[in-house]
Amino acid sequence: MQQQQLQQKPVDLTATTPLLCECGHGIFKEAMMFHKESRLMSGLPEDRIVPIQVMVCTKCETPLEEFLPAPLKKSYAKLPE
C-alpha cells in the first residue's frame, strides 16, 4: 500500500492574523506546568508528575489559551508564581 504524503502549501503571512495575549502583547516563550496525579487515580504504585508544555506571554506570563490542553483552558488566568 502506497502512503501519500500531504504537501503543505506555503503560508502567505500577509493573509494571517497574529495571536495576541489578553494584555495585547504578541511575543511568547515556552514554559512548563506540572500536575500531580494521585496513585489512587492512576493505579500506579506512586503518585506521578505530569509535565504540560505551554506558551506564556513574555510580558504578563499568561498562558496562551490555544496551547493549553482542553481540560485546562480557562482554568489558568496566570501561571502559579
PDB file of N, CA and C in Angstrom:
ATOM      1  N   MET A   1       0.841  -1.167   0.000  1.00  0.00           N
ATOM      2  CA  MET A   1       0.000   0.000   0.000  1.00  0.00           C
ATOM      3  C   MET A   1       0.891   1.236   0.000  1.00  0.00           C
ATOM      4  N   GLN A   2       0.570   2.145  -0.847  1.00  0.00           N
ATOM      5  CA  GLN A   2       1.392   3.337  -1.010  1.00  0.00           C
ATOM      6  C   GLN A   2       0.857   4.450  -0.109  1.00  0.00           C
ATOM      7  N   GLN A   3       1.772   5.051   0.667  1.00  0.00           N
ATOM      8  CA  GLN A   3       1.362   6.159   1.524  1.00  0.00           C
ATOM      9  C   GLN A   3       1.536   7.463   0.772  1.00  0.00           C
ATOM     10  N   GLN A   4       0.527   8.275   0.834  1.00  0.00           N
ATOM     11  CA  GLN A   4       0.630   9.568   0.192  1.00  0.00           C
ATOM     12  C   GLN A   4       1.060  10.596   1.226  1.00  0.00           C
ATOM     13  N   GLN A   5       2.042  11.384   0.868  1.00  0.00           N
ATOM     14  CA  GLN A   5       2.485  12.445   1.751  1.00  0.00           C
ATOM     15  C   GLN A   5       1.719  13.703   1.389  1.00  0.00           C
ATOM     16  N   LEU A   6       1.162  14.293   2.404  1.00  0.00           N
ATOM     17  CA  LEU A   6       0.447  15.535   2.178  1.00  0.00           C
ATOM     18  C   LEU A   6       1.449  16.662   2.032  1.00  0.00           C
ATOM     19  N   GLN A   7       1.323  17.372   0.965  1.00  0.00           N
ATOM     20  CA  GLN A   7       2.208  18.507   0.756  1.00  0.00           C
ATOM     21  C   GLN A   7       1.508  19.743   1.276  1.00  0.00           C
ATOM     22  N   GLN A   8       2.202  20.438   2.166  1.00  0.00           N
ATOM     23  CA  GLN A   8       1.645  21.670   2.695  1.00  0.00           C
ATOM     24  C   GLN A   8       2.000  22.801   1.751  1.00  0.00           C
ATOM     25  N   LYS A   9       1.001  23.586   1.431  1.00  0.00           N
ATOM     26  CA  LYS A   9       1.314  24.720   0.589  1.00  0.00           C
ATOM     27  C   LYS A   9       1.899  25.818   1.470  1.00  0.00           C
ATOM     28  N   PRO A  10       2.737  26.668   0.915  1.00  0.00           N
ATOM     29  CA  PRO A  10       3.377  27.703   1.713  1.00  0.00           C
ATOM     30  C   PRO A  10       2.347  28.650   2.325  1.00  0.00           C
ATOM     31  N   VAL A  11       2.647  29.129   3.514  1.00  0.00           N
ATOM     32  CA  VAL A  11       1.758  30.045   4.211  1.00  0.00           C
ATOM     33  C   VAL A  11       2.002  31.463   3.713  1.00  0.00           C
ATOM     34  N   ASP A  12       0.944  32.151   3.359  1.00  0.00           N
ATOM     35  CA  ASP A  12       1.030  33.557   2.974  1.00  0.00           C
ATOM     36  C   ASP A  12       0.873  34.373   4.254  1.00  0.00           C
ATOM     37  N   LEU A  13       1.986  34.819   4.824  1.00  0.00           N
ATOM     38  CA  LEU A  13       1.951  35.522   6.101  1.00  0.00           C
ATOM     39  C   LEU A  13       1.149  36.813   6.044  1.00  0.00           C
ATOM     40  N   THR A  14       0.983  37.390   4.864  1.00  0.00           N
ATOM     41  CA  THR A  14       0.187  38.616   4.756  1.00  0.00           C
ATOM     42  C   THR A  14      -1.305  38.323   4.928  1.00  0.00           C
ATOM     43  N   ALA A  15      -1.691  37.053   4.834  1.00  0.00           N
ATOM     44  CA  ALA A  15      -3.095  36.676   4.988  1.00  0.00           C
ATOM     45  C   ALA A  15      -3.373  36.081   6.369  1.00  0.00           C
ATOM     46  N   THR A  16      -2.454  36.250   7.303  1.00  0.00           N
ATOM     47  CA  THR A  16      -2.627  35.700   8.650  1.00  0.00           C
ATOM     48  C   THR A  16      -2.867  36.828   9.645  1.00  0.00           C
ATOM     49  N   THR A  17      -3.337  36.445  10.811  1.00  0.00           N
ATOM     50  CA  THR A  17      -3.515  37.418  11.891  1.00  0.00           C
ATOM     51  C   THR A  17      -2.695  36.954  13.090  1.00  0.00           C
ATOM     52  N   PRO A  18      -2.101  37.879  13.835  1.00  0.00           N
ATOM     53  CA  PRO A  18      -1.274  37.480  14.970  1.00  0.00           C
ATOM     54  C   PRO A  18      -2.120  36.989  16.141  1.00  0.00           C
ATOM     55  N   LEU A  19      -1.564  36.058  16.895  1.00  0.00           N
ATOM     56  CA  LEU A  19      -2.181  35.653  18.152  1.00  0.00           C
ATOM     57  C   LEU A  19      -1.670  36.613  19.216  1.00  0.00           C
ATOM     58  N   LEU A  20      -2.578  37.211  19.934  1.00  0.00           N
ATOM     59  CA  LEU A  20      -2.203  38.170  20.965  1.00  0.00           C
ATOM     60  C   LEU A  20      -2.683  37.692  22.322  1.00  0.00           C
ATOM     61  N   CYS A  21      -1.935  38.056  23.326  1.00  0.00           N
ATOM     62  CA  CYS A  21      -2.307  37.799  24.709  1.00  0.00           C
ATOM     63  C   CYS A  21      -3.454  38.735  25.075  1.00  0.00           C
ATOM     64  N   GLU A  22      -4.124  38.447  26.164  1.00  0.00           N
ATOM     65  CA  GLU A  22      -5.183  39.326  26.658  1.00  0.00           C
ATOM     66  C   GLU A  22      -4.654  40.731  26.942  1.00  0.00           C
ATOM     67  N   CYS A  23      -3.363  40.846  27.252  1.00  0.00           N
ATOM     68  CA  CYS A  23      -2.765  42.149  27.538  1.00  0.00           C
ATOM     69  C   CYS A  23      -2.389  42.894  26.254  1.00  0.00           C
ATOM     70  N   GLY A  24      -2.566  42.251  25.089  1.00  0.00           N
ATOM     71  CA  GLY A  24      -2.263  42.869  23.811  1.00  0.00           C
ATOM     72  C   GLY A  24      -0.877  42.582  23.283  1.00  0.00           C
ATOM     73  N   HIS A  25      -0.052  41.908  24.072  1.00  0.00           N
ATOM     74  CA  HIS A  25       1.321  41.573  23.682  1.00  0.00           C
ATOM     75  C   HIS A  25       1.291  40.341  22.772  1.00  0.00           C
ATOM     76  N   GLY A  26       2.251  40.230  21.865  1.00  0.00           N
ATOM     77  CA  GLY A  26       2.238  39.127  20.913  1.00  0.00           C
ATOM     78  C   GLY A  26       3.499  38.298  20.876  1.00  0.00           C
ATOM     79  N   ILE A  27       4.329  38.360  21.923  1.00  0.00           N
ATOM     80  CA  ILE A  27       5.563  37.559  21.958  1.00  0.00           C
ATOM     81  C   ILE A  27       5.427  36.561  23.114  1.00  0.00           C
ATOM     82  N   PHE A  28       5.728  35.299  22.817  1.00  0.00           N
ATOM     83  CA  PHE A  28       5.535  34.223  23.786  1.00  0.00           C
ATOM     84  C   PHE A  28       6.813  33.415  23.956  1.00  0.00           C
ATOM     85  N   LYS A  29       6.885  32.688  25.066  1.00  0.00           N
ATOM     86  CA  LYS A  29       8.013  31.785  25.337  1.00  0.00           C
ATOM     87  C   LYS A  29       7.452  30.454  25.833  1.00  0.00           C
ATOM     88  N   GLU A  30       8.274  29.419  25.703  1.00  0.00           N
ATOM     89  CA  GLU A  30       7.875  28.097  26.181  1.00  0.00           C
ATOM     90  C   GLU A  30       8.012  28.055  27.690  1.00  0.00           C
ATOM     91  N   ALA A  31       7.084  27.362  28.331  1.00  0.00           N
ATOM     92  CA  ALA A  31       7.138  27.152  29.775  1.00  0.00           C
ATOM     93  C   ALA A  31       6.529  25.782  30.071  1.00  0.00           C
ATOM     94  N   MET A  32       6.748  25.317  31.274  1.00  0.00           N
ATOM     95  CA  MET A  32       6.211  24.022  31.678  1.00  0.00           C
ATOM     96  C   MET A  32       5.362  24.199  32.933  1.00  0.00           C
ATOM     97  N   MET A  33       4.221  23.525  32.943  1.00  0.00           N
ATOM     98  CA  MET A  33       3.397  23.404  34.142  1.00  0.00           C
ATOM     99  C   MET A  33       3.474  21.934  34.536  1.00  0.00           C
ATOM    100  N   PHE A  34       3.314  21.689  35.809  1.00  0.00           N
ATOM    101  CA  PHE A  34       3.330  20.314  36.288  1.00  0.00           C
ATOM    102  C   PHE A  34       2.091  20.056  37.132  1.00  0.00           C
ATOM    103  N   HIS A  35       1.458  18.934  36.885  1.00  0.00           N
ATOM    104  CA  HIS A  35       0.329  18.486  37.700  1.00  0.00           C
ATOM    105  C   HIS A  35       0.723  17.152  38.317  1.00  0.00           C
ATOM    106  N   LYS A  36       0.211  16.916  39.503  1.00  0.00           N
ATOM    107  CA  LYS A  36       0.483  15.642  40.173  1.00  0.00           C
ATOM    108  C   LYS A  36      -0.783  14.798  40.110  1.00  0.00           C
ATOM    109  N   GLU A  37      -0.619  13.559  39.678  1.00  0.00           N
ATOM    110  CA  GLU A  37      -1.731  12.614  39.643  1.00  0.00           C
ATOM    111  C   GLU A  37      -1.556  11.617  40.783  1.00  0.00           C
ATOM    112  N   SER A  38      -2.583  11.484  41.579  1.00  0.00           N
ATOM    113  CA  SER A  38      -2.539  10.580  42.724  1.00  0.00           C
ATOM    114  C   SER A  38      -2.410   9.133  42.267  1.00  0.00           C
ATOM    115  N   ARG A  39      -1.650   8.376  43.018  1.00  0.00           N
ATOM    116  CA  ARG A  39      -1.511   6.953  42.707  1.00  0.00           C
ATOM    117  C   ARG A  39      -2.857   6.249  42.806  1.00  0.00           C
ATOM    118  N   LEU A  40      -3.761   6.787  43.622  1.00  0.00           N
ATOM    119  CA  LEU A  40      -5.094   6.191  43.748  1.00  0.00           C
ATOM    120  C   LEU A  40      -5.899   6.354  42.463  1.00  0.00           C
ATOM    121  N   MET A  41      -5.662   7.444  41.746  1.00  0.00           N
ATOM    122  CA  MET A  41      -6.365   7.676  40.484  1.00  0.00           C
ATOM    123  C   MET A  41      -5.721   6.906  39.324  1.00  0.00           C
ATOM    124  N   SER A  42      -4.387   6.799  39.349  1.00  0.00           N
ATOM    125  CA  SER A  42      -3.679   6.178  38.225  1.00  0.00           C
ATOM    126  C   SER A  42      -3.562   4.666  38.351  1.00  0.00           C
ATOM    127  N   GLY A  43      -3.683   4.171  39.588  1.00  0.00           N
ATOM    128  CA  GLY A  43      -3.490   2.738  39.791  1.00  0.00           C
ATOM    129  C   GLY A  43      -2.031   2.334  39.833  1.00  0.00           C
ATOM    130  N   LEU A  44      -1.133   3.333  39.810  1.00  0.00           N
ATOM    131  CA  LEU A  44       0.304   3.064  39.872  1.00  0.00           C
ATOM    132  C   LEU A  44       0.747   2.994  41.331  1.00  0.00           C
ATOM    133  N   PRO A  45       1.928   2.424  41.591  1.00  0.00           N
ATOM    134  CA  PRO A  45       2.388   2.309  42.976  1.00  0.00           C
ATOM    135  C   PRO A  45       2.755   3.658  43.615  1.00  0.00           C
ATOM    136  N   GLU A  46       3.027   4.683  42.806  1.00  0.00           N
ATOM    137  CA  GLU A  46       3.401   6.001  43.331  1.00  0.00           C
ATOM    138  C   GLU A  46       2.658   7.095  42.579  1.00  0.00           C
ATOM    139  N   ASP A  47       2.529   8.275  43.214  1.00  0.00           N
ATOM    140  CA  ASP A  47       1.994   9.433  42.509  1.00  0.00           C
ATOM    141  C   ASP A  47       2.899   9.710  41.318  1.00  0.00           C
ATOM    142  N   ARG A  48       2.345  10.333  40.295  1.00  0.00           N
ATOM    143  CA  ARG A  48       3.200  10.683  39.163  1.00  0.00           C
ATOM    144  C   ARG A  48       3.024  12.163  38.821  1.00  0.00           C
ATOM    145  N   ILE A  49       4.098  12.713  38.295  1.00  0.00           N
ATOM    146  CA  ILE A  49       4.122  14.109  37.873  1.00  0.00           C
ATOM    147  C   ILE A  49       3.855  14.137  36.368  1.00  0.00           C
ATOM    148  N   VAL A  50       2.915  14.990  35.948  1.00  0.00           N
ATOM    149  CA  VAL A  50       2.554  15.109  34.545  1.00  0.00           C
ATOM    150  C   VAL A  50       3.043  16.470  34.041  1.00  0.00           C
ATOM    151  N   PRO A  51       4.050  16.504  33.141  1.00  0.00           N
ATOM    152  CA  PRO A  51       4.515  17.782  32.596  1.00  0.00           C
ATOM    153  C   PRO A  51       3.579  18.246  31.473  1.00  0.00           C
ATOM    154  N   ILE A  52       3.308  19.552  31.448  1.00  0.00           N
ATOM    155  CA  ILE A  52       2.437  20.130  30.427  1.00  0.00           C
ATOM    156  C   ILE A  52       3.166  21.322  29.821  1.00  0.00           C
ATOM    157  N   GLN A  53       3.497  21.234  28.542  1.00  0.00           N
ATOM    158  CA  GLN A  53       4.192  22.318  27.866  1.00  0.00           C
ATOM    159  C   GLN A  53       3.182  23.374  27.451  1.00  0.00           C
ATOM    160  N   VAL A  54       3.465  24.634  27.769  1.00  0.00           N
ATOM    161  CA  VAL A  54       2.583  25.745  27.410  1.00  0.00           C
ATOM    162  C   VAL A  54       3.407  26.882  26.828  1.00  0.00           C
ATOM    163  N   MET A  55       2.723  27.808  26.202  1.00  0.00           N
ATOM    164  CA  MET A  55       3.342  29.044  25.727  1.00  0.00           C
ATOM    165  C   MET A  55       2.785  30.169  26.585  1.00  0.00           C
ATOM    166  N   VAL A  56       3.673  31.007  27.146  1.00  0.00           N
ATOM    167  CA  VAL A  56       3.234  32.099  28.004  1.00  0.00           C
ATOM    168  C   VAL A  56       3.707  33.433  27.446  1.00  0.00           C
ATOM    169  N   CYS A  57       2.931  34.461  27.704  1.00  0.00           N
ATOM    170  CA  CYS A  57       3.251  35.816  27.272  1.00  0.00           C
ATOM    171  C   CYS A  57       4.534  36.266  27.971  1.00  0.00           C
ATOM    172  N   THR A  58       5.435  36.895  27.229  1.00  0.00           N
ATOM    173  CA  THR A  58       6.686  37.357  27.835  1.00  0.00           C
ATOM    174  C   THR A  58       6.474  38.620  28.661  1.00  0.00           C
ATOM    175  N   LYS A  59       5.321  39.259  28.521  1.00  0.00           N
ATOM    176  CA  LYS A  59       5.049  40.482  29.276  1.00  0.00           C
ATOM    177  C   LYS A  59       4.324  40.187  30.593  1.00  0.00           C
ATOM    178  N   CYS A  60       3.229  39.450  30.537  1.00  0.00           N
ATOM    179  CA  CYS A  60       2.417  39.227  31.751  1.00  0.00           C
ATOM    180  C   CYS A  60       2.415  37.772  32.226  1.00  0.00           C
ATOM    181  N   GLU A  61       3.055  36.882  31.486  1.00  0.00           N
ATOM    182  CA  GLU A  61       3.179  35.451  31.805  1.00  0.00           C
ATOM    183  C   GLU A  61       1.858  34.699  31.838  1.00  0.00           C
ATOM    184  N   THR A  62       0.860  35.206  31.125  1.00  0.00           N
ATOM    185  CA  THR A  62      -0.407  34.491  30.987  1.00  0.00           C
ATOM    186  C   THR A  62      -0.246  33.413  29.926  1.00  0.00           C
ATOM    187  N   PRO A  63      -0.695  32.172  30.211  1.00  0.00           N
ATOM    188  CA  PRO A  63      -0.613  31.128  29.184  1.00  0.00           C
ATOM    189  C   PRO A  63      -1.498  31.463  27.988  1.00  0.00           C
ATOM    190  N   LEU A  64      -1.017  31.144  26.796  1.00  0.00           N
ATOM    191  CA  LEU A  64      -1.810  31.315  25.581  1.00  0.00           C
ATOM    192  C   LEU A  64      -2.816  30.169  25.550  1.00  0.00           C
ATOM    193  N   GLU A  65      -4.082  30.520  25.624  1.00  0.00           N
ATOM    194  CA  GLU A  65      -5.138  29.515  25.780  1.00  0.00           C
ATOM    195  C   GLU A  65      -5.145  28.473  24.669  1.00  0.00           C
ATOM    196  N   GLU A  66      -4.800  28.866  23.455  1.00  0.00           N
ATOM    197  CA  GLU A  66      -4.815  27.929  22.333  1.00  0.00           C
ATOM    198  C   GLU A  66      -3.861  26.756  22.522  1.00  0.00           C
ATOM    199  N   PHE A  67      -2.848  26.915  23.376  1.00  0.00           N
ATOM    200  CA  PHE A  67      -1.867  25.858  23.586  1.00  0.00           C
ATOM    201  C   PHE A  67      -2.118  25.043  24.844  1.00  0.00           C
ATOM    202  N   LEU A  68      -3.136  25.396  25.614  1.00  0.00           N
ATOM    203  CA  LEU A  68      -3.459  24.612  26.805  1.00  0.00           C
ATOM    204  C   LEU A  68      -4.290  23.403  26.415  1.00  0.00           C
ATOM    205  N   PRO A  69      -4.084  22.275  27.107  1.00  0.00           N
ATOM    206  CA  PRO A  69      -4.960  21.125  26.859  1.00  0.00           C
ATOM    207  C   PRO A  69      -6.407  21.514  27.192  1.00  0.00           C
ATOM    208  N   ALA A  70      -7.362  20.976  26.475  1.00  0.00           N
ATOM    209  CA  ALA A  70      -8.775  21.340  26.635  1.00  0.00           C
ATOM    210  C   ALA A  70      -9.261  21.343  28.089  1.00  0.00           C
ATOM    211  N   PRO A  71      -8.915  20.336  28.914  1.00  0.00           N
ATOM    212  CA  PRO A  71      -9.424  20.356  30.289  1.00  0.00           C
ATOM    213  C   PRO A  71      -8.878  21.510  31.137  1.00  0.00           C
ATOM    214  N   LEU A  72      -7.799  22.144  30.709  1.00  0.00           N
ATOM    215  CA  LEU A  72      -7.201  23.216  31.500  1.00  0.00           C
ATOM    216  C   LEU A  72      -7.537  24.616  30.995  1.00  0.00           C
ATOM    217  N   LYS A  73      -8.179  24.706  29.841  1.00  0.00           N
ATOM    218  CA  LYS A  73      -8.494  26.024  29.284  1.00  0.00           C
ATOM    219  C   LYS A  73      -9.366  26.791  30.263  1.00  0.00           C
ATOM    220  N   LYS A  74      -9.099  28.046  30.399  1.00  0.00           N
ATOM    221  CA  LYS A  74      -9.811  28.978  31.272  1.00  0.00           C
ATOM    222  C   LYS A  74      -9.633  28.655  32.749  1.00  0.00           C
ATOM    223  N   SER A  75      -8.832  27.633  33.093  1.00  0.00           N
ATOM    224  CA  SER A  75      -8.559  27.325  34.487  1.00  0.00           C
ATOM    225  C   SER A  75      -7.388  28.149  35.024  1.00  0.00           C
ATOM    226  N   TYR A  76      -6.552  28.621  34.108  1.00  0.00           N
ATOM    227  CA  TYR A  76      -5.347  29.332  34.497  1.00  0.00           C
ATOM    228  C   TYR A  76      -5.382  30.759  33.976  1.00  0.00           C
ATOM    229  N   ALA A  77      -5.618  31.699  34.858  1.00  0.00           N
ATOM    230  CA  ALA A  77      -5.546  33.113  34.462  1.00  0.00           C
ATOM    231  C   ALA A  77      -4.077  33.505  34.350  1.00  0.00           C
ATOM    232  N   LYS A  78      -3.259  32.997  35.253  1.00  0.00           N
ATOM    233  CA  LYS A  78      -1.817  33.221  35.228  1.00  0.00           C
ATOM    234  C   LYS A  78      -1.147  31.945  35.715  1.00  0.00           C
ATOM    235  N   LEU A  79       0.090  31.775  35.314  1.00  0.00           N
ATOM    236  CA  LEU A  79       0.834  30.641  35.842  1.00  0.00           C
ATOM    237  C   LEU A  79       1.086  30.858  37.320  1.00  0.00           C
ATOM    238  N   PRO A  80       1.049  29.812  38.138  1.00  0.00           N
ATOM    239  CA  PRO A  80       1.379  29.970  39.549  1.00  0.00           C
ATOM    240  C   PRO A  80       2.798  30.504  39.700  1.00  0.00           C
ATOM    241  N   GLU A  81       2.966  31.445  40.601  1.00  0.00           N
ATOM    242  CA  GLU A  81       4.302  32.044  40.798  1.00  0.00           C
ATOM    243  C   GLU A  81       5.105  31.262  41.799  1.00  0.00           C
TER     244      GLU A  81
END
